[in-house]
Amino acid sequence: MNKFSTSVFAAFILSAATTAFAAEVPASLDAKNCKAEYPKASLLNEEQGDVTMSFLVAADGTVVESKVEKSSGFKNLDKAAVKALSACKFKPGTKDGAVAQTWTKVDYSWKL
């Protein structure tokens, strides 16, 4: 490949990658309007940590499925975060510009 062909090929790959990423926009959550209640047992035991969760959000903004991706290290905190955020309303994601069911990740921090 000559220098010109390599540049054109690289530009094509970059363009294709950008298009692929633009095709899907994940759902989003307004964390200010959605808070989890600190579990009493966790308060008493002074448990804190960060939990990363994934949510499958329907086109209407409701949660269809949820799972813990990374635990806080405490089951009570993980369960409380999933339960509370699963009840929240999300802004739906899109696929190719149309509202669609999409997966999104949410981090929740428990701090005393």
N, C-alpha and C. Protein backbone atom coordinates (compact mmCIF):
# COMPACT_ATOMS: atom_id res chain seq x y z
N MET A 1 0.84 -1.18 0.00
CA MET A 1 0.00 0.00 0.00
C MET A 1 0.88 1.24 0.00
N ASN A 2 0.52 2.21 -0.82
CA ASN A 2 1.28 3.44 -0.80
C ASN A 2 0.74 4.35 0.29
N LYS A 3 1.39 5.49 0.48
CA LYS A 3 1.02 6.40 1.56
C LYS A 3 -0.42 6.90 1.41
N PHE A 4 -0.83 7.22 0.18
CA PHE A 4 -2.18 7.72 -0.07
C PHE A 4 -3.22 6.63 0.26
N SER A 5 -2.99 5.42 -0.19
CA SER A 5 -3.93 4.31 0.05
C SER A 5 -4.08 4.03 1.54
N THR A 6 -2.96 4.09 2.27
CA THR A 6 -3.01 3.86 3.72
C THR A 6 -3.85 4.92 4.40
N SER A 7 -3.70 6.19 4.00
CA SER A 7 -4.47 7.29 4.60
C SER A 7 -5.96 7.14 4.33
N VAL A 8 -6.30 6.80 3.09
CA VAL A 8 -7.70 6.62 2.73
C VAL A 8 -8.29 5.45 3.50
N PHE A 9 -7.56 4.34 3.59
CA PHE A 9 -8.02 3.16 4.32
C PHE A 9 -8.24 3.51 5.80
N ALA A 10 -7.30 4.23 6.43
CA ALA A 10 -7.43 4.61 7.84
C ALA A 10 -8.63 5.52 8.04
N ALA A 11 -8.85 6.45 7.12
CA ALA A 11 -10.00 7.36 7.22
C ALA A 11 -11.30 6.57 7.10
N PHE A 12 -11.35 5.59 6.22
CA PHE A 12 -12.54 4.76 6.06
C PHE A 12 -12.84 3.97 7.31
N ILE A 13 -11.83 3.38 7.92
CA ILE A 13 -12.01 2.60 9.15
C ILE A 13 -12.51 3.51 10.26
N LEU A 14 -11.92 4.69 10.41
CA LEU A 14 -12.34 5.64 11.44
C LEU A 14 -13.78 6.05 11.21
N SER A 15 -14.14 6.33 9.98
CA SER A 15 -15.50 6.73 9.64
C SER A 15 -16.49 5.61 9.96
N ALA A 16 -16.15 4.39 9.62
CA ALA A 16 -17.03 3.24 9.88
C ALA A 16 -17.21 3.03 11.38
N ALA A 17 -16.13 3.19 12.15
CA ALA A 17 -16.21 3.01 13.60
C ALA A 17 -17.09 4.08 14.21
N THR A 18 -16.97 5.32 13.76
CA THR A 18 -17.79 6.42 14.29
C THR A 18 -19.26 6.16 14.00
N THR A 19 -19.56 5.69 12.79
CA THR A 19 -20.93 5.39 12.42
C THR A 19 -21.50 4.27 13.29
N ALA A 20 -20.73 3.24 13.56
CA ALA A 20 -21.19 2.13 14.38
C ALA A 20 -21.53 2.59 15.79
N PHE A 21 -20.70 3.47 16.35
CA PHE A 21 -20.96 3.95 17.71
C PHE A 21 -22.15 4.90 17.74
N ALA A 22 -22.41 5.62 16.69
CA ALA A 22 -23.50 6.58 16.65
C ALA A 22 -24.85 5.89 16.50
N ALA A 23 -24.88 4.62 16.10
CA ALA A 23 -26.12 3.91 15.83
C ALA A 23 -26.92 3.64 17.10
N GLU A 24 -26.26 3.49 18.26
CA GLU A 24 -26.98 3.21 19.49
C GLU A 24 -26.57 4.17 20.59
N VAL A 25 -27.56 4.76 21.23
CA VAL A 25 -27.34 5.64 22.38
C VAL A 25 -28.04 5.00 23.56
N PRO A 26 -27.29 4.68 24.64
CA PRO A 26 -27.91 3.99 25.78
C PRO A 26 -28.88 4.88 26.55
N ALA A 27 -29.76 4.25 27.29
CA ALA A 27 -30.69 4.98 28.16
C ALA A 27 -29.89 5.74 29.21
N SER A 28 -30.52 6.77 29.79
CA SER A 28 -29.83 7.54 30.82
C SER A 28 -30.75 7.75 32.02
N LEU A 29 -30.13 8.02 33.16
CA LEU A 29 -30.85 8.17 34.42
C LEU A 29 -30.53 9.53 35.01
N ASP A 30 -31.54 10.22 35.49
CA ASP A 30 -31.33 11.47 36.22
C ASP A 30 -31.20 11.10 37.69
N ALA A 31 -29.96 10.94 38.15
CA ALA A 31 -29.69 10.46 39.51
C ALA A 31 -30.24 11.39 40.58
N LYS A 32 -30.43 12.66 40.29
CA LYS A 32 -30.96 13.61 41.28
C LYS A 32 -32.38 13.24 41.69
N ASN A 33 -33.13 12.68 40.76
CA ASN A 33 -34.53 12.34 41.03
C ASN A 33 -34.73 10.88 41.42
N CYS A 34 -33.64 10.20 41.72
CA CYS A 34 -33.75 8.78 42.02
C CYS A 34 -32.69 8.40 43.05
N LYS A 35 -33.11 8.27 44.29
CA LYS A 35 -32.16 7.93 45.35
C LYS A 35 -32.58 6.64 46.05
N ALA A 36 -31.57 5.88 46.43
CA ALA A 36 -31.81 4.65 47.17
C ALA A 36 -31.72 4.94 48.66
N GLU A 37 -32.54 4.25 49.44
CA GLU A 37 -32.50 4.41 50.89
C GLU A 37 -31.42 3.52 51.47
N TYR A 38 -30.58 4.10 52.33
CA TYR A 38 -29.49 3.34 52.96
C TYR A 38 -30.09 2.23 53.82
N PRO A 39 -29.71 0.99 53.60
CA PRO A 39 -30.24 -0.10 54.43
C PRO A 39 -29.83 0.09 55.90
N LYS A 40 -30.77 -0.13 56.80
CA LYS A 40 -30.49 0.08 58.23
C LYS A 40 -29.34 -0.78 58.74
N ALA A 41 -29.31 -2.05 58.34
CA ALA A 41 -28.23 -2.93 58.78
C ALA A 41 -26.87 -2.42 58.28
N SER A 42 -26.85 -1.88 57.08
CA SER A 42 -25.60 -1.35 56.53
C SER A 42 -25.16 -0.09 57.26
N LEU A 43 -26.13 0.71 57.68
CA LEU A 43 -25.81 1.89 58.49
C LEU A 43 -25.19 1.48 59.82
N LEU A 44 -25.82 0.51 60.47
CA LEU A 44 -25.32 0.04 61.76
C LEU A 44 -23.92 -0.55 61.66
N ASN A 45 -23.66 -1.24 60.54
CA ASN A 45 -22.35 -1.87 60.33
C ASN A 45 -21.34 -0.95 59.64
N GLU A 46 -21.76 0.28 59.39
CA GLU A 46 -20.92 1.29 58.73
C GLU A 46 -20.36 0.81 57.39
N GLU A 47 -21.22 0.15 56.63
CA GLU A 47 -20.83 -0.35 55.31
C GLU A 47 -20.95 0.77 54.28
N GLN A 48 -19.99 0.83 53.39
CA GLN A 48 -20.04 1.77 52.28
C GLN A 48 -19.27 1.20 51.10
N GLY A 49 -19.53 1.72 49.91
CA GLY A 49 -18.86 1.24 48.72
C GLY A 49 -19.59 1.65 47.47
N ASP A 50 -19.03 1.27 46.34
CA ASP A 50 -19.59 1.60 45.03
C ASP A 50 -20.08 0.33 44.35
N VAL A 51 -21.26 0.41 43.75
CA VAL A 51 -21.81 -0.72 43.01
C VAL A 51 -22.04 -0.27 41.57
N THR A 52 -21.66 -1.12 40.63
CA THR A 52 -21.91 -0.86 39.21
C THR A 52 -22.96 -1.84 38.74
N MET A 53 -24.03 -1.29 38.16
CA MET A 53 -25.15 -2.11 37.72
C MET A 53 -25.42 -1.88 36.25
N SER A 54 -26.00 -2.87 35.60
CA SER A 54 -26.47 -2.74 34.22
C SER A 54 -27.97 -2.89 34.23
N PHE A 55 -28.63 -2.05 33.43
CA PHE A 55 -30.09 -2.08 33.33
C PHE A 55 -30.49 -2.19 31.87
N LEU A 56 -31.44 -3.06 31.59
CA LEU A 56 -32.06 -3.12 30.27
C LEU A 56 -33.30 -2.25 30.38
N VAL A 57 -33.30 -1.15 29.65
CA VAL A 57 -34.37 -0.17 29.74
C VAL A 57 -35.25 -0.26 28.50
N ALA A 58 -36.56 -0.40 28.71
CA ALA A 58 -37.52 -0.49 27.62
C ALA A 58 -37.69 0.87 26.95
N ALA A 59 -38.34 0.86 25.81
CA ALA A 59 -38.58 2.09 25.05
C ALA A 59 -39.43 3.09 25.83
N ASP A 60 -40.18 2.62 26.83
CA ASP A 60 -41.00 3.53 27.64
C ASP A 60 -40.25 4.05 28.88
N GLY A 61 -38.98 3.65 29.04
CA GLY A 61 -38.17 4.15 30.16
C GLY A 61 -38.21 3.30 31.41
N THR A 62 -38.94 2.20 31.39
CA THR A 62 -38.99 1.31 32.55
C THR A 62 -37.89 0.26 32.46
N VAL A 63 -37.50 -0.27 33.62
CA VAL A 63 -36.45 -1.28 33.67
C VAL A 63 -37.06 -2.66 33.44
N VAL A 64 -36.48 -3.39 32.49
CA VAL A 64 -36.93 -4.72 32.13
C VAL A 64 -36.11 -5.77 32.87
N GLU A 65 -34.80 -5.51 32.99
CA GLU A 65 -33.88 -6.45 33.61
C GLU A 65 -32.75 -5.67 34.25
N SER A 66 -32.17 -6.24 35.31
CA SER A 66 -31.03 -5.57 35.96
C SER A 66 -30.05 -6.62 36.47
N LYS A 67 -28.79 -6.19 36.60
CA LYS A 67 -27.78 -7.09 37.15
C LYS A 67 -26.64 -6.25 37.73
N VAL A 68 -25.99 -6.83 38.73
CA VAL A 68 -24.83 -6.18 39.35
C VAL A 68 -23.59 -6.58 38.54
N GLU A 69 -22.89 -5.58 38.05
CA GLU A 69 -21.65 -5.80 37.28
C GLU A 69 -20.45 -5.87 38.23
N LYS A 70 -20.45 -4.97 39.21
CA LYS A 70 -19.36 -4.93 40.19
C LYS A 70 -19.97 -4.61 41.55
N SER A 71 -19.76 -5.50 42.49
CA SER A 71 -20.35 -5.38 43.82
C SER A 71 -19.65 -4.31 44.66
N SER A 72 -20.42 -3.76 45.59
CA SER A 72 -19.87 -2.83 46.57
C SER A 72 -19.08 -3.60 47.63
N GLY A 73 -19.29 -4.92 47.65
CA GLY A 73 -18.69 -5.77 48.67
C GLY A 73 -19.68 -6.11 49.77
N PHE A 74 -20.89 -5.54 49.67
CA PHE A 74 -21.93 -5.77 50.68
C PHE A 74 -23.25 -6.06 49.99
N LYS A 75 -23.81 -7.25 50.24
CA LYS A 75 -25.06 -7.67 49.57
C LYS A 75 -26.20 -6.70 49.81
N ASN A 76 -26.34 -6.21 51.06
CA ASN A 76 -27.44 -5.29 51.37
C ASN A 76 -27.36 -4.02 50.53
N LEU A 77 -26.16 -3.48 50.35
CA LEU A 77 -26.00 -2.26 49.55
C LEU A 77 -26.30 -2.54 48.08
N ASP A 78 -25.82 -3.66 47.58
CA ASP A 78 -26.06 -4.02 46.18
C ASP A 78 -27.56 -4.18 45.92
N LYS A 79 -28.24 -4.93 46.79
CA LYS A 79 -29.67 -5.17 46.63
C LYS A 79 -30.47 -3.87 46.70
N ALA A 80 -30.13 -3.00 47.64
CA ALA A 80 -30.85 -1.74 47.80
C ALA A 80 -30.68 -0.84 46.58
N ALA A 81 -29.48 -0.80 46.02
CA ALA A 81 -29.23 0.02 44.83
C ALA A 81 -30.02 -0.51 43.64
N VAL A 82 -29.96 -1.81 43.40
CA VAL A 82 -30.68 -2.40 42.27
C VAL A 82 -32.19 -2.19 42.44
N LYS A 83 -32.71 -2.43 43.63
CA LYS A 83 -34.15 -2.28 43.88
C LYS A 83 -34.60 -0.84 43.64
N ALA A 84 -33.88 0.12 44.20
CA ALA A 84 -34.28 1.53 44.07
C ALA A 84 -34.16 2.01 42.63
N LEU A 85 -33.05 1.72 41.98
CA LEU A 85 -32.84 2.23 40.63
C LEU A 85 -33.70 1.50 39.60
N SER A 86 -34.07 0.27 39.89
CA SER A 86 -34.98 -0.45 38.99
C SER A 86 -36.36 0.19 38.97
N ALA A 87 -36.73 0.86 40.04
CA ALA A 87 -38.03 1.52 40.13
C ALA A 87 -38.02 2.92 39.51
N CYS A 88 -36.85 3.41 39.15
CA CYS A 88 -36.73 4.75 38.57
C CYS A 88 -37.14 4.76 37.10
N LYS A 89 -37.51 5.93 36.66
CA LYS A 89 -37.83 6.13 35.25
C LYS A 89 -36.56 6.61 34.54
N PHE A 90 -36.19 5.96 33.46
CA PHE A 90 -35.02 6.33 32.67
C PHE A 90 -35.46 7.09 31.41
N LYS A 91 -34.54 7.86 30.88
CA LYS A 91 -34.76 8.43 29.55
C LYS A 91 -34.35 7.32 28.59
N PRO A 92 -35.27 6.85 27.75
CA PRO A 92 -34.96 5.71 26.88
C PRO A 92 -33.80 5.98 25.94
N GLY A 93 -33.13 4.91 25.56
CA GLY A 93 -32.05 5.01 24.59
C GLY A 93 -32.60 4.96 23.18
N THR A 94 -31.71 5.06 22.22
CA THR A 94 -32.12 5.00 20.82
C THR A 94 -31.21 4.07 20.03
N LYS A 95 -31.75 3.52 18.96
CA LYS A 95 -31.00 2.74 17.98
C LYS A 95 -31.33 3.32 16.62
N ASP A 96 -30.31 3.74 15.91
CA ASP A 96 -30.47 4.35 14.59
C ASP A 96 -31.49 5.49 14.63
N GLY A 97 -31.46 6.26 15.70
CA GLY A 97 -32.31 7.45 15.81
C GLY A 97 -33.71 7.20 16.35
N ALA A 98 -34.11 5.95 16.52
CA ALA A 98 -35.45 5.64 17.02
C ALA A 98 -35.37 5.15 18.47
N VAL A 99 -36.35 5.52 19.27
CA VAL A 99 -36.41 5.07 20.66
C VAL A 99 -36.45 3.55 20.68
N ALA A 100 -35.62 2.95 21.55
CA ALA A 100 -35.52 1.50 21.57
C ALA A 100 -35.09 1.00 22.94
N GLN A 101 -35.26 -0.29 23.15
CA GLN A 101 -34.78 -0.96 24.36
C GLN A 101 -33.25 -1.05 24.29
N THR A 102 -32.56 -0.57 25.33
CA THR A 102 -31.10 -0.59 25.34
C THR A 102 -30.58 -0.90 26.75
N TRP A 103 -29.35 -1.40 26.81
CA TRP A 103 -28.66 -1.61 28.08
C TRP A 103 -27.91 -0.33 28.45
N THR A 104 -27.84 -0.04 29.74
CA THR A 104 -27.05 1.08 30.22
C THR A 104 -26.42 0.70 31.55
N LYS A 105 -25.30 1.33 31.87
CA LYS A 105 -24.62 1.07 33.14
C LYS A 105 -24.81 2.26 34.06
N VAL A 106 -24.95 1.96 35.36
CA VAL A 106 -25.09 3.00 36.37
C VAL A 106 -24.18 2.66 37.54
N ASP A 107 -23.44 3.63 38.00
CA ASP A 107 -22.62 3.49 39.21
C ASP A 107 -23.35 4.18 40.35
N TYR A 108 -23.41 3.54 41.51
CA TYR A 108 -24.04 4.15 42.67
C TYR A 108 -23.07 4.05 43.84
N SER A 109 -22.84 5.18 44.50
CA SER A 109 -21.90 5.22 45.63
C SER A 109 -22.66 5.33 46.94
N TRP A 110 -22.31 4.46 47.85
CA TRP A 110 -22.85 4.49 49.21
C TRP A 110 -21.76 5.07 50.11
N LYS A 111 -22.03 6.23 50.68
CA LYS A 111 -21.05 6.88 51.55
C LYS A 111 -21.75 7.35 52.82
N LEU A 112 -21.09 7.17 53.94
CA LEU A 112 -21.63 7.63 55.24
C LEU A 112 -21.14 9.04 55.52
